[in-house]
Amino acid sequence: MEEWVRRLREAGLGPAVIPLLETARALGFVAAQALLLGQPLLTGLVDAATVQGAADWLEDPQQIAQALERLEGEKDLL
């Protein structure tokens, strides 16, 4: 998770991702299942371990909340 938050910060996408994470907090399990369902289609773009890691992350509301805290803290600093 730290790596993803760092990449979002470096790309300047932190503030834009916050609403998406708010939605993911509510629909994380459904999003994770959709991601796993689409895994065969994503294989050419990303490796299976990355897709599985993203799905695991989406299924854990605490990790989403931690990412939101870090990104919102960054937004307050701007």
PDB file of N, CA and C in Angstrom:
ATOM      1  N   MET A   1       0.819  -1.186   0.000  1.00  0.00           N
ATOM      2  CA  MET A   1       0.000   0.000   0.000  1.00  0.00           C
ATOM      3  C   MET A   1       0.865   1.253   0.000  1.00  0.00           C
ATOM      4  N   GLU A   2       1.919   1.252   0.754  1.00  0.00           N
ATOM      5  CA  GLU A   2       2.791   2.428   0.817  1.00  0.00           C
ATOM      6  C   GLU A   2       3.329   2.791  -0.564  1.00  0.00           C
ATOM      7  N   GLU A   3       3.661   1.764  -1.327  1.00  0.00           N
ATOM      8  CA  GLU A   3       4.187   1.993  -2.676  1.00  0.00           C
ATOM      9  C   GLU A   3       3.138   2.672  -3.553  1.00  0.00           C
ATOM     10  N   TRP A   4       1.898   2.242  -3.450  1.00  0.00           N
ATOM     11  CA  TRP A   4       0.831   2.832  -4.268  1.00  0.00           C
ATOM     12  C   TRP A   4       0.593   4.280  -3.871  1.00  0.00           C
ATOM     13  N   VAL A   5       0.561   4.537  -2.571  1.00  0.00           N
ATOM     14  CA  VAL A   5       0.353   5.910  -2.102  1.00  0.00           C
ATOM     15  C   VAL A   5       1.505   6.796  -2.570  1.00  0.00           C
ATOM     16  N   ARG A   6       2.713   6.287  -2.496  1.00  0.00           N
ATOM     17  CA  ARG A   6       3.877   7.059  -2.954  1.00  0.00           C
ATOM     18  C   ARG A   6       3.772   7.377  -4.440  1.00  0.00           C
ATOM     19  N   ARG A   7       3.391   6.390  -5.227  1.00  0.00           N
ATOM     20  CA  ARG A   7       3.260   6.608  -6.673  1.00  0.00           C
ATOM     21  C   ARG A   7       2.172   7.631  -6.985  1.00  0.00           C
ATOM     22  N   LEU A   8       1.075   7.557  -6.272  1.00  0.00           N
ATOM     23  CA  LEU A   8       0.000   8.530  -6.484  1.00  0.00           C
ATOM     24  C   LEU A   8       0.465   9.937  -6.139  1.00  0.00           C
ATOM     25  N   ARG A   9       1.196  10.061  -5.048  1.00  0.00           N
ATOM     26  CA  ARG A   9       1.731  11.368  -4.658  1.00  0.00           C
ATOM     27  C   ARG A   9       2.677  11.908  -5.720  1.00  0.00           C
ATOM     28  N   GLU A  10       3.601  11.061  -6.175  1.00  0.00           N
ATOM     29  CA  GLU A  10       4.580  11.495  -7.167  1.00  0.00           C
ATOM     30  C   GLU A  10       3.912  11.933  -8.465  1.00  0.00           C
ATOM     31  N   ALA A  11       2.830  11.276  -8.834  1.00  0.00           N
ATOM     32  CA  ALA A  11       2.113  11.617 -10.059  1.00  0.00           C
ATOM     33  C   ALA A  11       1.182  12.807  -9.863  1.00  0.00           C
ATOM     34  N   GLY A  12       1.039  13.268  -8.608  1.00  0.00           N
ATOM     35  CA  GLY A  12       0.147  14.386  -8.328  1.00  0.00           C
ATOM     36  C   GLY A  12      -1.321  14.008  -8.381  1.00  0.00           C
ATOM     37  N   LEU A  13      -1.613  12.727  -8.237  1.00  0.00           N
ATOM     38  CA  LEU A  13      -2.985  12.243  -8.349  1.00  0.00           C
ATOM     39  C   LEU A  13      -3.691  12.063  -7.010  1.00  0.00           C
ATOM     40  N   GLY A  14      -3.009  12.344  -5.919  1.00  0.00           N
ATOM     41  CA  GLY A  14      -3.599  12.136  -4.598  1.00  0.00           C
ATOM     42  C   GLY A  14      -4.984  12.735  -4.446  1.00  0.00           C
ATOM     43  N   PRO A  15      -5.154  14.045  -4.681  1.00  0.00           N
ATOM     44  CA  PRO A  15      -6.476  14.653  -4.511  1.00  0.00           C
ATOM     45  C   PRO A  15      -7.538  14.075  -5.448  1.00  0.00           C
ATOM     46  N   ALA A  16      -7.150  13.648  -6.624  1.00  0.00           N
ATOM     47  CA  ALA A  16      -8.113  13.087  -7.574  1.00  0.00           C
ATOM     48  C   ALA A  16      -8.549  11.677  -7.187  1.00  0.00           C
ATOM     49  N   VAL A  17      -7.702  10.962  -6.459  1.00  0.00           N
ATOM     50  CA  VAL A  17      -7.988   9.574  -6.109  1.00  0.00           C
ATOM     51  C   VAL A  17      -8.850   9.473  -4.848  1.00  0.00           C
ATOM     52  N   ILE A  18      -8.868  10.501  -4.036  1.00  0.00           N
ATOM     53  CA  ILE A  18      -9.615  10.449  -2.771  1.00  0.00           C
ATOM     54  C   ILE A  18     -11.081  10.072  -2.984  1.00  0.00           C
ATOM     55  N   PRO A  19     -11.822  10.696  -3.924  1.00  0.00           N
ATOM     56  CA  PRO A  19     -13.222  10.271  -4.115  1.00  0.00           C
ATOM     57  C   PRO A  19     -13.352   8.812  -4.560  1.00  0.00           C
ATOM     58  N   LEU A  20     -12.394   8.341  -5.343  1.00  0.00           N
ATOM     59  CA  LEU A  20     -12.430   6.938  -5.762  1.00  0.00           C
ATOM     60  C   LEU A  20     -12.215   6.002  -4.580  1.00  0.00           C
ATOM     61  N   LEU A  21     -11.329   6.383  -3.681  1.00  0.00           N
ATOM     62  CA  LEU A  21     -11.093   5.555  -2.494  1.00  0.00           C
ATOM     63  C   LEU A  21     -12.295   5.577  -1.555  1.00  0.00           C
ATOM     64  N   GLU A  22     -12.977   6.717  -1.487  1.00  0.00           N
ATOM     65  CA  GLU A  22     -14.199   6.781  -0.673  1.00  0.00           C
ATOM     66  C   GLU A  22     -15.227   5.785  -1.207  1.00  0.00           C
ATOM     67  N   THR A  23     -15.343   5.716  -2.524  1.00  0.00           N
ATOM     68  CA  THR A  23     -16.258   4.761  -3.145  1.00  0.00           C
ATOM     69  C   THR A  23     -15.776   3.332  -2.918  1.00  0.00           C
ATOM     70  N   ALA A  24     -14.475   3.122  -3.044  1.00  0.00           N
ATOM     71  CA  ALA A  24     -13.916   1.780  -2.846  1.00  0.00           C
ATOM     72  C   ALA A  24     -14.139   1.293  -1.423  1.00  0.00           C
ATOM     73  N   ARG A  25     -14.160   2.224  -0.480  1.00  0.00           N
ATOM     74  CA  ARG A  25     -14.394   1.810   0.909  1.00  0.00           C
ATOM     75  C   ARG A  25     -15.773   1.172   1.032  1.00  0.00           C
ATOM     76  N   ALA A  26     -16.745   1.726   0.309  1.00  0.00           N
ATOM     77  CA  ALA A  26     -18.104   1.193   0.371  1.00  0.00           C
ATOM     78  C   ALA A  26     -18.285  -0.042  -0.510  1.00  0.00           C
ATOM     79  N   LEU A  27     -17.600  -0.077  -1.642  1.00  0.00           N
ATOM     80  CA  LEU A  27     -17.811  -1.150  -2.612  1.00  0.00           C
ATOM     81  C   LEU A  27     -16.567  -1.995  -2.856  1.00  0.00           C
ATOM     82  N   GLY A  28     -15.651  -1.988  -1.916  1.00  0.00           N
ATOM     83  CA  GLY A  28     -14.376  -2.664  -2.098  1.00  0.00           C
ATOM     84  C   GLY A  28     -14.488  -4.134  -2.432  1.00  0.00           C
ATOM     85  N   PHE A  29     -15.348  -4.848  -1.729  1.00  0.00           N
ATOM     86  CA  PHE A  29     -15.475  -6.285  -1.976  1.00  0.00           C
ATOM     87  C   PHE A  29     -15.963  -6.545  -3.393  1.00  0.00           C
ATOM     88  N   VAL A  30     -16.967  -5.783  -3.820  1.00  0.00           N
ATOM     89  CA  VAL A  30     -17.515  -5.953  -5.168  1.00  0.00           C
ATOM     90  C   VAL A  30     -16.456  -5.611  -6.214  1.00  0.00           C
ATOM     91  N   ALA A  31     -15.714  -4.525  -5.983  1.00  0.00           N
ATOM     92  CA  ALA A  31     -14.656  -4.125  -6.917  1.00  0.00           C
ATOM     93  C   ALA A  31     -13.561  -5.190  -6.986  1.00  0.00           C
ATOM     94  N   ALA A  32     -13.224  -5.767  -5.846  1.00  0.00           N
ATOM     95  CA  ALA A  32     -12.195  -6.815  -5.821  1.00  0.00           C
ATOM     96  C   ALA A  32     -12.643  -8.031  -6.621  1.00  0.00           C
ATOM     97  N   GLN A  33     -13.896  -8.413  -6.465  1.00  0.00           N
ATOM     98  CA  GLN A  33     -14.403  -9.565  -7.208  1.00  0.00           C
ATOM     99  C   GLN A  33     -14.443  -9.279  -8.709  1.00  0.00           C
ATOM    100  N   ALA A  34     -14.814  -8.056  -9.079  1.00  0.00           N
ATOM    101  CA  ALA A  34     -14.821  -7.678 -10.497  1.00  0.00           C
ATOM    102  C   ALA A  34     -13.405  -7.709 -11.067  1.00  0.00           C
ATOM    103  N   LEU A  35     -12.455  -7.262 -10.279  1.00  0.00           N
ATOM    104  CA  LEU A  35     -11.054  -7.276 -10.707  1.00  0.00           C
ATOM    105  C   LEU A  35     -10.576  -8.711 -10.926  1.00  0.00           C
ATOM    106  N   LEU A  36     -10.929  -9.593 -10.010  1.00  0.00           N
ATOM    107  CA  LEU A  36     -10.538 -10.997 -10.157  1.00  0.00           C
ATOM    108  C   LEU A  36     -11.239 -11.649 -11.345  1.00  0.00           C
ATOM    109  N   LEU A  37     -12.476 -11.256 -11.584  1.00  0.00           N
ATOM    110  CA  LEU A  37     -13.206 -11.791 -12.728  1.00  0.00           C
ATOM    111  C   LEU A  37     -12.552 -11.356 -14.041  1.00  0.00           C
ATOM    112  N   GLY A  38     -12.056 -10.130 -14.071  1.00  0.00           N
ATOM    113  CA  GLY A  38     -11.405  -9.621 -15.270  1.00  0.00           C
ATOM    114  C   GLY A  38      -9.929  -9.948 -15.364  1.00  0.00           C
ATOM    115  N   GLN A  39      -9.419 -10.692 -14.407  1.00  0.00           N
ATOM    116  CA  GLN A  39      -7.985 -11.001 -14.366  1.00  0.00           C
ATOM    117  C   GLN A  39      -7.451 -11.603 -15.667  1.00  0.00           C
ATOM    118  N   PRO A  40      -8.155 -12.533 -16.303  1.00  0.00           N
ATOM    119  CA  PRO A  40      -7.619 -13.071 -17.564  1.00  0.00           C
ATOM    120  C   PRO A  40      -7.437 -11.996 -18.645  1.00  0.00           C
ATOM    121  N   LEU A  41      -8.305 -11.005 -18.658  1.00  0.00           N
ATOM    122  CA  LEU A  41      -8.188  -9.930 -19.645  1.00  0.00           C
ATOM    123  C   LEU A  41      -7.045  -8.980 -19.316  1.00  0.00           C
ATOM    124  N   LEU A  42      -6.735  -8.868 -18.036  1.00  0.00           N
ATOM    125  CA  LEU A  42      -5.688  -7.943 -17.596  1.00  0.00           C
ATOM    126  C   LEU A  42      -4.290  -8.544 -17.672  1.00  0.00           C
ATOM    127  N   THR A  43      -4.207  -9.839 -17.914  1.00  0.00           N
ATOM    128  CA  THR A  43      -2.922 -10.530 -17.884  1.00  0.00           C
ATOM    129  C   THR A  43      -1.909  -9.917 -18.843  1.00  0.00           C
ATOM    130  N   GLY A  44      -2.346  -9.432 -19.979  1.00  0.00           N
ATOM    131  CA  GLY A  44      -1.426  -8.815 -20.919  1.00  0.00           C
ATOM    132  C   GLY A  44      -0.917  -7.465 -20.462  1.00  0.00           C
ATOM    133  N   LEU A  45      -1.641  -6.825 -19.546  1.00  0.00           N
ATOM    134  CA  LEU A  45      -1.263  -5.495 -19.069  1.00  0.00           C
ATOM    135  C   LEU A  45      -0.466  -5.528 -17.773  1.00  0.00           C
ATOM    136  N   VAL A  46      -0.888  -6.370 -16.848  1.00  0.00           N
ATOM    137  CA  VAL A  46      -0.216  -6.475 -15.546  1.00  0.00           C
ATOM    138  C   VAL A  46      -0.106  -7.950 -15.164  1.00  0.00           C
ATOM    139  N   ASP A  47       0.839  -8.253 -14.310  1.00  0.00           N
ATOM    140  CA  ASP A  47       1.011  -9.652 -13.912  1.00  0.00           C
ATOM    141  C   ASP A  47      -0.056 -10.060 -12.898  1.00  0.00           C
ATOM    142  N   ALA A  48      -0.267 -11.355 -12.787  1.00  0.00           N
ATOM    143  CA  ALA A  48      -1.317 -11.904 -11.932  1.00  0.00           C
ATOM    144  C   ALA A  48      -1.121 -11.527 -10.470  1.00  0.00           C
ATOM    145  N   ALA A  49       0.117 -11.448 -10.013  1.00  0.00           N
ATOM    146  CA  ALA A  49       0.380 -11.098  -8.611  1.00  0.00           C
ATOM    147  C   ALA A  49      -0.078  -9.672  -8.306  1.00  0.00           C
ATOM    148  N   THR A  50       0.075  -8.768  -9.263  1.00  0.00           N
ATOM    149  CA  THR A  50      -0.363  -7.386  -9.061  1.00  0.00           C
ATOM    150  C   THR A  50      -1.880  -7.316  -8.965  1.00  0.00           C
ATOM    151  N   VAL A  51      -2.565  -8.043  -9.832  1.00  0.00           N
ATOM    152  CA  VAL A  51      -4.030  -8.071  -9.796  1.00  0.00           C
ATOM    153  C   VAL A  51      -4.504  -8.668  -8.478  1.00  0.00           C
ATOM    154  N   GLN A  52      -3.885  -9.760  -8.050  1.00  0.00           N
ATOM    155  CA  GLN A  52      -4.267 -10.390  -6.783  1.00  0.00           C
ATOM    156  C   GLN A  52      -4.006  -9.449  -5.616  1.00  0.00           C
ATOM    157  N   GLY A  53      -2.880  -8.765  -5.629  1.00  0.00           N
ATOM    158  CA  GLY A  53      -2.569  -7.806  -4.567  1.00  0.00           C
ATOM    159  C   GLY A  53      -3.571  -6.673  -4.508  1.00  0.00           C
ATOM    160  N   ALA A  54      -3.969  -6.169  -5.666  1.00  0.00           N
ATOM    161  CA  ALA A  54      -4.968  -5.097  -5.706  1.00  0.00           C
ATOM    162  C   ALA A  54      -6.310  -5.589  -5.179  1.00  0.00           C
ATOM    163  N   ALA A  55      -6.689  -6.802  -5.544  1.00  0.00           N
ATOM    164  CA  ALA A  55      -7.950  -7.367  -5.059  1.00  0.00           C
ATOM    165  C   ALA A  55      -7.907  -7.562  -3.547  1.00  0.00           C
ATOM    166  N   ASP A  56      -6.804  -8.079  -3.038  1.00  0.00           N
ATOM    167  CA  ASP A  56      -6.662  -8.249  -1.585  1.00  0.00           C
ATOM    168  C   ASP A  56      -6.764  -6.904  -0.881  1.00  0.00           C
ATOM    169  N   TRP A  57      -6.141  -5.893  -1.463  1.00  0.00           N
ATOM    170  CA  TRP A  57      -6.152  -4.551  -0.877  1.00  0.00           C
ATOM    171  C   TRP A  57      -7.567  -3.981  -0.861  1.00  0.00           C
ATOM    172  N   LEU A  58      -8.305  -4.153  -1.959  1.00  0.00           N
ATOM    173  CA  LEU A  58      -9.673  -3.636  -2.038  1.00  0.00           C
ATOM    174  C   LEU A  58     -10.605  -4.323  -1.048  1.00  0.00           C
ATOM    175  N   GLU A  59     -10.332  -5.577  -0.729  1.00  0.00           N
ATOM    176  CA  GLU A  59     -11.185  -6.318   0.198  1.00  0.00           C
ATOM    177  C   GLU A  59     -10.955  -5.927   1.653  1.00  0.00           C
ATOM    178  N   ASP A  60      -9.911  -5.184   1.938  1.00  0.00           N
ATOM    179  CA  ASP A  60      -9.575  -4.821   3.318  1.00  0.00           C
ATOM    180  C   ASP A  60      -9.893  -3.347   3.574  1.00  0.00           C
ATOM    181  N   PRO A  61     -11.024  -3.051   4.224  1.00  0.00           N
ATOM    182  CA  PRO A  61     -11.415  -1.663   4.461  1.00  0.00           C
ATOM    183  C   PRO A  61     -10.397  -0.874   5.290  1.00  0.00           C
ATOM    184  N   GLN A  62      -9.657  -1.548   6.154  1.00  0.00           N
ATOM    185  CA  GLN A  62      -8.658  -0.845   6.965  1.00  0.00           C
ATOM    186  C   GLN A  62      -7.527  -0.301   6.104  1.00  0.00           C
ATOM    187  N   GLN A  63      -7.116  -1.053   5.102  1.00  0.00           N
ATOM    188  CA  GLN A  63      -6.054  -0.568   4.223  1.00  0.00           C
ATOM    189  C   GLN A  63      -6.527   0.620   3.392  1.00  0.00           C
ATOM    190  N   ILE A  64      -7.773   0.570   2.945  1.00  0.00           N
ATOM    191  CA  ILE A  64      -8.322   1.699   2.194  1.00  0.00           C
ATOM    192  C   ILE A  64      -8.377   2.927   3.091  1.00  0.00           C
ATOM    193  N   ALA A  65      -8.807   2.750   4.337  1.00  0.00           N
ATOM    194  CA  ALA A  65      -8.871   3.866   5.281  1.00  0.00           C
ATOM    195  C   ALA A  65      -7.483   4.451   5.537  1.00  0.00           C
ATOM    196  N   GLN A  66      -6.473   3.601   5.650  1.00  0.00           N
ATOM    197  CA  GLN A  66      -5.103   4.090   5.860  1.00  0.00           C
ATOM    198  C   GLN A  66      -4.620   4.893   4.658  1.00  0.00           C
ATOM    199  N   ALA A  67      -4.905   4.410   3.462  1.00  0.00           N
ATOM    200  CA  ALA A  67      -4.503   5.143   2.256  1.00  0.00           C
ATOM    201  C   ALA A  67      -5.208   6.492   2.203  1.00  0.00           C
ATOM    202  N   LEU A  68      -6.487   6.514   2.555  1.00  0.00           N
ATOM    203  CA  LEU A  68      -7.231   7.778   2.582  1.00  0.00           C
ATOM    204  C   LEU A  68      -6.621   8.756   3.574  1.00  0.00           C
ATOM    205  N   GLU A  69      -6.274   8.269   4.749  1.00  0.00           N
ATOM    206  CA  GLU A  69      -5.661   9.136   5.762  1.00  0.00           C
ATOM    207  C   GLU A  69      -4.371   9.751   5.249  1.00  0.00           C
ATOM    208  N   ARG A  70      -3.547   8.951   4.611  1.00  0.00           N
ATOM    209  CA  ARG A  70      -2.265   9.462   4.096  1.00  0.00           C
ATOM    210  C   ARG A  70      -2.482  10.475   2.976  1.00  0.00           C
ATOM    211  N   LEU A  71      -3.393  10.165   2.062  1.00  0.00           N
ATOM    212  CA  LEU A  71      -3.641  11.079   0.950  1.00  0.00           C
ATOM    213  C   LEU A  71      -4.339  12.353   1.410  1.00  0.00           C
ATOM    214  N   GLU A  72      -5.266  12.235   2.355  1.00  0.00           N
ATOM    215  CA  GLU A  72      -5.939  13.427   2.867  1.00  0.00           C
ATOM    216  C   GLU A  72      -4.978  14.278   3.676  1.00  0.00           C
ATOM    217  N   GLY A  73      -4.052  13.650   4.380  1.00  0.00           N
ATOM    218  CA  GLY A  73      -3.030  14.401   5.106  1.00  0.00           C
ATOM    219  C   GLY A  73      -2.159  15.186   4.151  1.00  0.00           C
ATOM    220  N   GLU A  74      -1.848  14.594   3.011  1.00  0.00           N
ATOM    221  CA  GLU A  74      -1.056  15.289   1.992  1.00  0.00           C
ATOM    222  C   GLU A  74      -1.839  16.468   1.430  1.00  0.00           C
ATOM    223  N   LYS A  75      -3.138  16.278   1.226  1.00  0.00           N
ATOM    224  CA  LYS A  75      -3.973  17.344   0.675  1.00  0.00           C
ATOM    225  C   LYS A  75      -3.993  18.543   1.614  1.00  0.00           C
ATOM    226  N   ASP A  76      -4.016  18.285   2.915  1.00  0.00           N
ATOM    227  CA  ASP A  76      -4.022  19.365   3.900  1.00  0.00           C
ATOM    228  C   ASP A  76      -2.719  20.153   3.883  1.00  0.00           C
ATOM    229  N   LEU A  77      -1.628  19.505   3.488  1.00  0.00           N
ATOM    230  CA  LEU A  77      -0.332  20.174   3.449  1.00  0.00           C
ATOM    231  C   LEU A  77      -0.195  21.097   2.245  1.00  0.00           C
ATOM    232  N   LEU A  78      -1.002  20.855   1.211  1.00  0.00           N
ATOM    233  CA  LEU A  78      -0.891  21.663  -0.016  1.00  0.00           C
ATOM    234  C   LEU A  78      -1.500  23.016   0.138  1.00  0.00           C
TER     235      LEU A  78
END
